[in-house]
Amino acid sequence: MPRELDLRGLNCPMPVLKAGKALRALQPGEQIVVLTSDPLAGVDIPHLCREQGHELEESGREGGISRFVIRKRG
């Protein structure tokens, strides 16, 4: 089961910085689920994945919360 990183209540740039730090701690191929209420994360998290080569497997927004499933490059 992937680790969940709850970043609700944090504003830009904290969600993307904390997600990046959490990804660095994972082994290649591991997943993390990131939850955030920051609307800018919808741009920042996919950009982080593209820049660092991670796979954004899922993303969506419901009830003001964005959910991203990211697999660390490997």
N, C-alpha and C. Protein backbone atom coordinates (compact mmCIF):
# COMPACT_ATOMS: atom_id res chain seq x y z
N MET A 1 0.85 -1.18 0.00
CA MET A 1 0.00 0.00 0.00
C MET A 1 0.89 1.25 0.00
N PRO A 2 0.61 2.21 -0.88
CA PRO A 2 1.45 3.41 -0.94
C PRO A 2 1.31 4.27 0.31
N ARG A 3 2.37 4.95 0.62
CA ARG A 3 2.37 5.90 1.74
C ARG A 3 1.50 7.09 1.36
N GLU A 4 0.77 7.65 2.34
CA GLU A 4 -0.05 8.83 2.09
C GLU A 4 0.59 10.04 2.74
N LEU A 5 0.70 11.10 1.99
CA LEU A 5 1.27 12.35 2.48
C LEU A 5 0.15 13.38 2.50
N ASP A 6 -0.32 13.72 3.70
CA ASP A 6 -1.44 14.66 3.85
C ASP A 6 -0.89 16.07 4.02
N LEU A 7 -1.03 16.87 2.98
CA LEU A 7 -0.51 18.24 2.98
C LEU A 7 -1.64 19.27 2.95
N ARG A 8 -2.83 18.84 3.33
CA ARG A 8 -3.97 19.76 3.36
C ARG A 8 -3.69 20.91 4.33
N GLY A 9 -4.06 22.11 3.93
CA GLY A 9 -3.85 23.28 4.76
C GLY A 9 -2.55 24.02 4.49
N LEU A 10 -1.64 23.40 3.74
CA LEU A 10 -0.38 24.07 3.39
C LEU A 10 -0.53 24.78 2.05
N ASN A 11 0.09 25.94 1.95
CA ASN A 11 0.03 26.73 0.71
C ASN A 11 1.35 26.70 -0.03
N CYS A 12 1.27 27.01 -1.32
CA CYS A 12 2.41 27.06 -2.21
C CYS A 12 3.53 27.89 -1.59
N PRO A 13 4.73 27.40 -1.61
CA PRO A 13 5.27 26.25 -2.33
C PRO A 13 5.41 24.99 -1.47
N MET A 14 4.88 25.00 -0.25
CA MET A 14 5.12 23.89 0.68
C MET A 14 4.67 22.52 0.17
N PRO A 15 3.48 22.38 -0.45
CA PRO A 15 3.10 21.04 -0.90
C PRO A 15 4.09 20.41 -1.88
N VAL A 16 4.55 21.18 -2.86
CA VAL A 16 5.47 20.61 -3.84
C VAL A 16 6.84 20.36 -3.22
N LEU A 17 7.27 21.19 -2.30
CA LEU A 17 8.55 20.97 -1.63
C LEU A 17 8.52 19.72 -0.76
N LYS A 18 7.43 19.54 -0.01
CA LYS A 18 7.30 18.36 0.85
C LYS A 18 7.11 17.09 0.03
N ALA A 19 6.38 17.19 -1.07
CA ALA A 19 6.22 16.02 -1.95
C ALA A 19 7.56 15.62 -2.54
N GLY A 20 8.36 16.60 -2.96
CA GLY A 20 9.68 16.31 -3.50
C GLY A 20 10.58 15.65 -2.48
N LYS A 21 10.53 16.12 -1.25
CA LYS A 21 11.34 15.52 -0.17
C LYS A 21 10.90 14.09 0.09
N ALA A 22 9.59 13.85 0.11
CA ALA A 22 9.08 12.50 0.35
C ALA A 22 9.48 11.56 -0.79
N LEU A 23 9.45 12.05 -2.02
CA LEU A 23 9.85 11.23 -3.16
C LEU A 23 11.32 10.85 -3.09
N ARG A 24 12.16 11.75 -2.63
CA ARG A 24 13.58 11.45 -2.50
C ARG A 24 13.83 10.31 -1.51
N ALA A 25 12.95 10.17 -0.52
CA ALA A 25 13.11 9.14 0.50
C ALA A 25 12.62 7.76 0.04
N LEU A 26 11.89 7.70 -1.08
CA LEU A 26 11.35 6.44 -1.58
C LEU A 26 12.38 5.69 -2.40
N GLN A 27 12.15 4.39 -2.52
CA GLN A 27 12.95 3.56 -3.41
C GLN A 27 12.34 3.67 -4.82
N PRO A 28 13.15 3.51 -5.87
CA PRO A 28 12.60 3.54 -7.23
C PRO A 28 11.45 2.54 -7.38
N GLY A 29 10.37 3.02 -8.02
CA GLY A 29 9.20 2.17 -8.25
C GLY A 29 8.15 2.26 -7.16
N GLU A 30 8.49 2.81 -6.00
CA GLU A 30 7.51 2.95 -4.92
C GLU A 30 6.55 4.09 -5.24
N GLN A 31 5.36 3.99 -4.64
CA GLN A 31 4.31 5.00 -4.85
C GLN A 31 4.10 5.84 -3.60
N ILE A 32 3.59 7.04 -3.83
CA ILE A 32 3.13 7.90 -2.75
C ILE A 32 1.82 8.55 -3.19
N VAL A 33 0.91 8.74 -2.24
CA VAL A 33 -0.35 9.44 -2.49
C VAL A 33 -0.24 10.78 -1.79
N VAL A 34 -0.41 11.86 -2.53
CA VAL A 34 -0.31 13.21 -1.98
C VAL A 34 -1.71 13.83 -1.97
N LEU A 35 -2.11 14.33 -0.80
CA LEU A 35 -3.38 15.05 -0.65
C LEU A 35 -3.07 16.50 -0.32
N THR A 36 -3.72 17.42 -1.01
CA THR A 36 -3.47 18.84 -0.75
C THR A 36 -4.72 19.67 -1.06
N SER A 37 -4.86 20.75 -0.31
CA SER A 37 -5.96 21.68 -0.56
C SER A 37 -5.51 22.89 -1.36
N ASP A 38 -4.22 22.99 -1.65
CA ASP A 38 -3.68 24.12 -2.40
C ASP A 38 -4.02 23.98 -3.89
N PRO A 39 -4.82 24.91 -4.44
CA PRO A 39 -5.19 24.80 -5.86
C PRO A 39 -3.99 24.85 -6.81
N LEU A 40 -2.91 25.51 -6.43
CA LEU A 40 -1.73 25.59 -7.29
C LEU A 40 -1.00 24.26 -7.41
N ALA A 41 -1.28 23.33 -6.51
CA ALA A 41 -0.66 22.01 -6.59
C ALA A 41 -1.05 21.29 -7.87
N GLY A 42 -2.21 21.65 -8.44
CA GLY A 42 -2.66 21.06 -9.70
C GLY A 42 -1.70 21.36 -10.85
N VAL A 43 -0.91 22.41 -10.70
CA VAL A 43 0.12 22.76 -11.68
C VAL A 43 1.48 22.28 -11.18
N ASP A 44 1.75 22.54 -9.91
CA ASP A 44 3.08 22.28 -9.35
C ASP A 44 3.45 20.80 -9.27
N ILE A 45 2.53 19.96 -8.83
CA ILE A 45 2.85 18.54 -8.66
C ILE A 45 3.11 17.86 -10.02
N PRO A 46 2.24 18.05 -11.03
CA PRO A 46 2.56 17.48 -12.34
C PRO A 46 3.88 18.01 -12.91
N HIS A 47 4.18 19.28 -12.67
CA HIS A 47 5.45 19.86 -13.14
C HIS A 47 6.64 19.18 -12.45
N LEU A 48 6.53 18.96 -11.15
CA LEU A 48 7.57 18.25 -10.41
C LEU A 48 7.82 16.87 -11.01
N CYS A 49 6.74 16.16 -11.31
CA CYS A 49 6.86 14.82 -11.88
C CYS A 49 7.55 14.85 -13.24
N ARG A 50 7.14 15.78 -14.09
CA ARG A 50 7.76 15.90 -15.42
C ARG A 50 9.25 16.23 -15.31
N GLU A 51 9.57 17.19 -14.46
CA GLU A 51 10.95 17.65 -14.32
C GLU A 51 11.87 16.56 -13.76
N GLN A 52 11.36 15.75 -12.84
CA GLN A 52 12.19 14.75 -12.17
C GLN A 52 12.02 13.35 -12.73
N GLY A 53 11.10 13.19 -13.68
CA GLY A 53 10.93 11.90 -14.33
C GLY A 53 10.05 10.91 -13.59
N HIS A 54 9.29 11.36 -12.59
CA HIS A 54 8.38 10.48 -11.87
C HIS A 54 7.10 10.30 -12.68
N GLU A 55 6.40 9.21 -12.43
CA GLU A 55 5.16 8.94 -13.15
C GLU A 55 3.96 9.39 -12.32
N LEU A 56 3.19 10.34 -12.85
CA LEU A 56 1.95 10.76 -12.22
C LEU A 56 0.88 9.79 -12.68
N GLU A 57 0.56 8.82 -11.83
CA GLU A 57 -0.35 7.74 -12.23
C GLU A 57 -1.81 8.15 -12.15
N GLU A 58 -2.13 9.04 -11.22
CA GLU A 58 -3.51 9.49 -11.04
C GLU A 58 -3.50 10.91 -10.51
N SER A 59 -4.48 11.68 -10.89
CA SER A 59 -4.69 12.99 -10.27
C SER A 59 -6.15 13.35 -10.39
N GLY A 60 -6.64 14.05 -9.39
CA GLY A 60 -8.03 14.49 -9.41
C GLY A 60 -8.28 15.46 -8.28
N ARG A 61 -9.40 16.15 -8.38
CA ARG A 61 -9.78 17.12 -7.36
C ARG A 61 -11.25 16.91 -7.03
N GLU A 62 -11.53 16.81 -5.75
CA GLU A 62 -12.91 16.63 -5.31
C GLU A 62 -13.09 17.31 -3.95
N GLY A 63 -14.13 18.12 -3.84
CA GLY A 63 -14.41 18.78 -2.57
C GLY A 63 -13.29 19.67 -2.08
N GLY A 64 -12.56 20.28 -3.01
CA GLY A 64 -11.48 21.18 -2.63
C GLY A 64 -10.17 20.49 -2.28
N ILE A 65 -10.12 19.18 -2.43
CA ILE A 65 -8.90 18.42 -2.13
C ILE A 65 -8.38 17.77 -3.40
N SER A 66 -7.10 18.00 -3.68
CA SER A 66 -6.45 17.34 -4.82
C SER A 66 -5.75 16.09 -4.32
N ARG A 67 -5.81 15.03 -5.15
CA ARG A 67 -5.18 13.76 -4.82
C ARG A 67 -4.29 13.36 -6.00
N PHE A 68 -3.03 13.07 -5.70
CA PHE A 68 -2.06 12.67 -6.72
C PHE A 68 -1.43 11.35 -6.31
N VAL A 69 -1.38 10.42 -7.23
CA VAL A 69 -0.68 9.15 -7.01
C VAL A 69 0.57 9.20 -7.89
N ILE A 70 1.73 9.14 -7.25
CA ILE A 70 3.00 9.32 -7.94
C ILE A 70 3.87 8.08 -7.71
N ARG A 71 4.46 7.58 -8.80
CA ARG A 71 5.43 6.49 -8.69
C ARG A 71 6.82 7.07 -8.96
N LYS A 72 7.72 6.81 -8.01
CA LYS A 72 9.09 7.32 -8.14
C LYS A 72 9.77 6.68 -9.35
N ARG A 73 10.47 7.51 -10.09
CA ARG A 73 11.18 7.01 -11.27
C ARG A 73 12.09 5.87 -10.86
N GLY A 74 12.26 4.95 -11.77
CA GLY A 74 13.10 3.83 -11.40
C GLY A 74 13.51 3.06 -12.59
